[in-house]
Amino acid sequence: MFHFLMRLRDYLSHTGETSQNFADRIGVTRQTVWFWLVGKRYPSSTTMAKIVAVTNGQVTPNDFFTAPIKQGQSKPPINPNG
């Protein structure tokens, strides 16, 4: 599993917060949070700011956009197209 899939999931697990409650706090649907958790979508910059705020910085943009490191690779590849 990729790093960005784990961070929000880890936060929710650690805090015991449901996806629905988290979605309500940041103004999105539970389905939207699910899309993030499975890597099908990414939060907008406005929503990402809300995520950082409600998690007190425990979940950051890097947690969504950090690519996995392949064996033998020194750092994640950069995708300029997002």
N, C-alpha and C. Protein backbone atom coordinates (compact mmCIF):
# COMPACT_ATOMS: atom_id res chain seq x y z
N MET A 1 0.85 -1.18 0.00
CA MET A 1 0.00 0.00 0.00
C MET A 1 0.89 1.24 0.00
N PHE A 2 0.48 2.24 -0.76
CA PHE A 2 1.26 3.46 -0.87
C PHE A 2 1.15 4.30 0.39
N HIS A 3 2.16 5.13 0.61
CA HIS A 3 2.21 6.00 1.79
C HIS A 3 0.97 6.90 1.88
N PHE A 4 0.56 7.54 0.75
CA PHE A 4 -0.55 8.48 0.83
C PHE A 4 -1.86 7.79 1.18
N LEU A 5 -1.98 6.51 0.92
CA LEU A 5 -3.19 5.79 1.28
C LEU A 5 -3.24 5.50 2.78
N MET A 6 -2.11 5.49 3.40
CA MET A 6 -2.05 5.13 4.81
C MET A 6 -2.24 6.32 5.75
N ARG A 7 -1.78 7.48 5.38
CA ARG A 7 -1.78 8.59 6.34
C ARG A 7 -3.17 8.98 6.82
N LEU A 8 -4.10 9.23 5.94
CA LEU A 8 -5.43 9.60 6.38
C LEU A 8 -6.09 8.41 7.07
N ARG A 9 -5.91 7.25 6.53
CA ARG A 9 -6.45 6.04 7.14
C ARG A 9 -5.88 5.86 8.55
N ASP A 10 -4.57 6.07 8.70
CA ASP A 10 -3.94 5.96 10.02
C ASP A 10 -4.51 6.99 10.98
N TYR A 11 -4.69 8.21 10.49
CA TYR A 11 -5.25 9.26 11.34
C TYR A 11 -6.64 8.87 11.84
N LEU A 12 -7.49 8.42 10.93
CA LEU A 12 -8.84 8.02 11.31
C LEU A 12 -8.81 6.85 12.29
N SER A 13 -7.95 5.90 12.03
CA SER A 13 -7.83 4.74 12.93
C SER A 13 -7.33 5.16 14.31
N HIS A 14 -6.32 6.00 14.32
CA HIS A 14 -5.71 6.44 15.59
C HIS A 14 -6.70 7.24 16.44
N THR A 15 -7.48 8.09 15.79
CA THR A 15 -8.41 8.94 16.52
C THR A 15 -9.75 8.26 16.76
N GLY A 16 -10.01 7.17 16.04
CA GLY A 16 -11.30 6.50 16.16
C GLY A 16 -12.42 7.24 15.44
N GLU A 17 -12.05 8.21 14.64
CA GLU A 17 -13.04 9.01 13.92
C GLU A 17 -13.54 8.24 12.69
N THR A 18 -14.83 8.30 12.44
CA THR A 18 -15.38 7.64 11.26
C THR A 18 -15.16 8.51 10.02
N SER A 19 -15.19 7.86 8.87
CA SER A 19 -15.08 8.60 7.61
C SER A 19 -16.22 9.61 7.49
N GLN A 20 -17.41 9.24 7.95
CA GLN A 20 -18.56 10.14 7.87
C GLN A 20 -18.35 11.37 8.73
N ASN A 21 -17.89 11.19 9.96
CA ASN A 21 -17.66 12.33 10.85
C ASN A 21 -16.57 13.24 10.29
N PHE A 22 -15.50 12.64 9.79
CA PHE A 22 -14.41 13.43 9.20
C PHE A 22 -14.94 14.21 8.00
N ALA A 23 -15.71 13.55 7.16
CA ALA A 23 -16.28 14.22 5.98
C ALA A 23 -17.14 15.39 6.40
N ASP A 24 -17.97 15.19 7.42
CA ASP A 24 -18.83 16.27 7.91
C ASP A 24 -18.00 17.46 8.40
N ARG A 25 -16.90 17.18 9.08
CA ARG A 25 -16.08 18.27 9.64
C ARG A 25 -15.41 19.11 8.57
N ILE A 26 -15.12 18.52 7.41
CA ILE A 26 -14.43 19.29 6.37
C ILE A 26 -15.35 19.66 5.20
N GLY A 27 -16.63 19.26 5.30
CA GLY A 27 -17.60 19.69 4.29
C GLY A 27 -17.59 18.91 2.99
N VAL A 28 -17.30 17.61 3.05
CA VAL A 28 -17.35 16.76 1.87
C VAL A 28 -18.23 15.54 2.19
N THR A 29 -18.46 14.71 1.20
CA THR A 29 -19.23 13.49 1.44
C THR A 29 -18.34 12.36 1.93
N ARG A 30 -18.97 11.36 2.53
CA ARG A 30 -18.24 10.18 2.98
C ARG A 30 -17.62 9.48 1.77
N GLN A 31 -18.33 9.49 0.64
CA GLN A 31 -17.82 8.87 -0.57
C GLN A 31 -16.54 9.56 -1.04
N THR A 32 -16.46 10.86 -0.91
CA THR A 32 -15.25 11.60 -1.28
C THR A 32 -14.07 11.15 -0.43
N VAL A 33 -14.29 11.02 0.88
CA VAL A 33 -13.22 10.54 1.76
C VAL A 33 -12.80 9.13 1.34
N TRP A 34 -13.77 8.29 1.00
CA TRP A 34 -13.45 6.93 0.55
C TRP A 34 -12.57 6.98 -0.71
N PHE A 35 -12.90 7.86 -1.66
CA PHE A 35 -12.08 7.99 -2.87
C PHE A 35 -10.64 8.34 -2.52
N TRP A 36 -10.45 9.21 -1.53
CA TRP A 36 -9.09 9.55 -1.10
C TRP A 36 -8.40 8.35 -0.48
N LEU A 37 -9.13 7.63 0.35
CA LEU A 37 -8.54 6.48 1.05
C LEU A 37 -8.08 5.39 0.09
N VAL A 38 -8.77 5.22 -1.02
CA VAL A 38 -8.39 4.18 -1.98
C VAL A 38 -7.54 4.73 -3.12
N GLY A 39 -7.24 6.03 -3.09
CA GLY A 39 -6.35 6.62 -4.09
C GLY A 39 -6.98 6.93 -5.42
N LYS A 40 -8.30 7.00 -5.49
CA LYS A 40 -8.97 7.30 -6.76
C LYS A 40 -9.07 8.80 -7.03
N ARG A 41 -9.01 9.59 -5.97
CA ARG A 41 -9.07 11.06 -6.10
C ARG A 41 -8.16 11.68 -5.06
N TYR A 42 -7.93 12.98 -5.24
CA TYR A 42 -7.12 13.75 -4.30
C TYR A 42 -7.89 15.00 -3.89
N PRO A 43 -7.67 15.47 -2.69
CA PRO A 43 -8.37 16.69 -2.25
C PRO A 43 -7.92 17.92 -3.03
N SER A 44 -8.84 18.86 -3.20
CA SER A 44 -8.48 20.15 -3.80
C SER A 44 -7.60 20.90 -2.82
N SER A 45 -6.98 21.96 -3.27
CA SER A 45 -6.12 22.74 -2.37
C SER A 45 -6.93 23.36 -1.22
N THR A 46 -8.15 23.78 -1.50
CA THR A 46 -9.00 24.35 -0.46
C THR A 46 -9.35 23.29 0.59
N THR A 47 -9.73 22.11 0.12
CA THR A 47 -10.07 21.02 1.03
C THR A 47 -8.84 20.54 1.77
N MET A 48 -7.70 20.53 1.11
CA MET A 48 -6.47 20.09 1.77
C MET A 48 -6.15 21.00 2.94
N ALA A 49 -6.38 22.30 2.77
CA ALA A 49 -6.14 23.24 3.88
C ALA A 49 -7.05 22.90 5.06
N LYS A 50 -8.29 22.50 4.77
CA LYS A 50 -9.21 22.10 5.84
C LYS A 50 -8.72 20.83 6.53
N ILE A 51 -8.21 19.89 5.74
CA ILE A 51 -7.71 18.63 6.31
C ILE A 51 -6.54 18.90 7.24
N VAL A 52 -5.62 19.73 6.80
CA VAL A 52 -4.46 20.09 7.64
C VAL A 52 -4.95 20.74 8.93
N ALA A 53 -5.92 21.63 8.81
CA ALA A 53 -6.42 22.35 9.99
C ALA A 53 -7.11 21.41 10.98
N VAL A 54 -8.02 20.57 10.49
CA VAL A 54 -8.78 19.72 11.42
C VAL A 54 -7.95 18.59 12.01
N THR A 55 -6.85 18.25 11.34
CA THR A 55 -5.98 17.20 11.89
C THR A 55 -4.80 17.79 12.64
N ASN A 56 -4.80 19.10 12.83
CA ASN A 56 -3.69 19.79 13.50
C ASN A 56 -2.34 19.45 12.85
N GLY A 57 -2.35 19.38 11.53
CA GLY A 57 -1.12 19.14 10.79
C GLY A 57 -0.65 17.69 10.76
N GLN A 58 -1.44 16.79 11.30
CA GLN A 58 -1.03 15.38 11.30
C GLN A 58 -1.19 14.75 9.92
N VAL A 59 -2.07 15.29 9.09
CA VAL A 59 -2.20 14.87 7.70
C VAL A 59 -1.89 16.10 6.85
N THR A 60 -0.93 15.98 5.95
CA THR A 60 -0.47 17.10 5.13
C THR A 60 -0.60 16.76 3.64
N PRO A 61 -0.45 17.74 2.76
CA PRO A 61 -0.50 17.45 1.33
C PRO A 61 0.51 16.38 0.91
N ASN A 62 1.69 16.39 1.52
CA ASN A 62 2.69 15.38 1.17
C ASN A 62 2.19 13.97 1.43
N ASP A 63 1.31 13.81 2.39
CA ASP A 63 0.79 12.49 2.70
C ASP A 63 -0.12 11.96 1.60
N PHE A 64 -0.65 12.84 0.77
CA PHE A 64 -1.48 12.42 -0.35
C PHE A 64 -0.68 12.28 -1.64
N PHE A 65 0.38 13.06 -1.78
CA PHE A 65 1.06 13.13 -3.07
C PHE A 65 2.45 12.52 -3.09
N THR A 66 2.89 11.91 -2.01
CA THR A 66 4.19 11.25 -2.01
C THR A 66 4.08 9.93 -2.73
N ALA A 67 4.87 9.77 -3.77
CA ALA A 67 4.86 8.53 -4.53
C ALA A 67 5.65 7.46 -3.79
N PRO A 68 5.31 6.21 -4.02
CA PRO A 68 6.06 5.14 -3.36
C PRO A 68 7.48 5.08 -3.88
N ILE A 69 8.41 4.70 -3.04
CA ILE A 69 9.81 4.56 -3.43
C ILE A 69 10.03 3.11 -3.86
N LYS A 70 10.55 2.94 -5.07
CA LYS A 70 10.85 1.61 -5.58
C LYS A 70 12.19 1.17 -5.04
N GLN A 71 12.38 -0.13 -4.92
CA GLN A 71 13.64 -0.67 -4.43
C GLN A 71 14.79 -0.16 -5.29
N GLY A 72 15.83 0.34 -4.64
CA GLY A 72 17.00 0.84 -5.34
C GLY A 72 16.88 2.31 -5.75
N GLN A 73 15.75 2.93 -5.50
CA GLN A 73 15.53 4.32 -5.87
C GLN A 73 15.80 5.20 -4.64
N SER A 74 16.50 6.31 -4.83
CA SER A 74 16.88 7.13 -3.70
C SER A 74 15.76 8.04 -3.21
N LYS A 75 14.85 8.45 -4.08
CA LYS A 75 13.74 9.29 -3.66
C LYS A 75 12.57 9.06 -4.60
N PRO A 76 11.37 9.45 -4.18
CA PRO A 76 10.20 9.22 -5.03
C PRO A 76 10.30 9.97 -6.35
N PRO A 77 9.75 9.39 -7.43
CA PRO A 77 9.74 10.10 -8.70
C PRO A 77 8.79 11.29 -8.62
N ILE A 78 9.09 12.32 -9.40
CA ILE A 78 8.26 13.51 -9.41
C ILE A 78 7.43 13.47 -10.68
N ASN A 79 6.14 13.65 -10.54
CA ASN A 79 5.23 13.72 -11.67
C ASN A 79 4.83 15.17 -11.84
N PRO A 80 5.38 15.88 -12.81
CA PRO A 80 5.08 17.30 -12.97
C PRO A 80 3.64 17.57 -13.35
N ASN A 81 2.93 16.57 -13.81
CA ASN A 81 1.53 16.75 -14.22
C ASN A 81 0.55 16.42 -13.10
N GLY A 82 1.06 16.11 -11.91
CA GLY A 82 0.20 15.83 -10.77
C GLY A 82 -0.36 14.49 -10.85
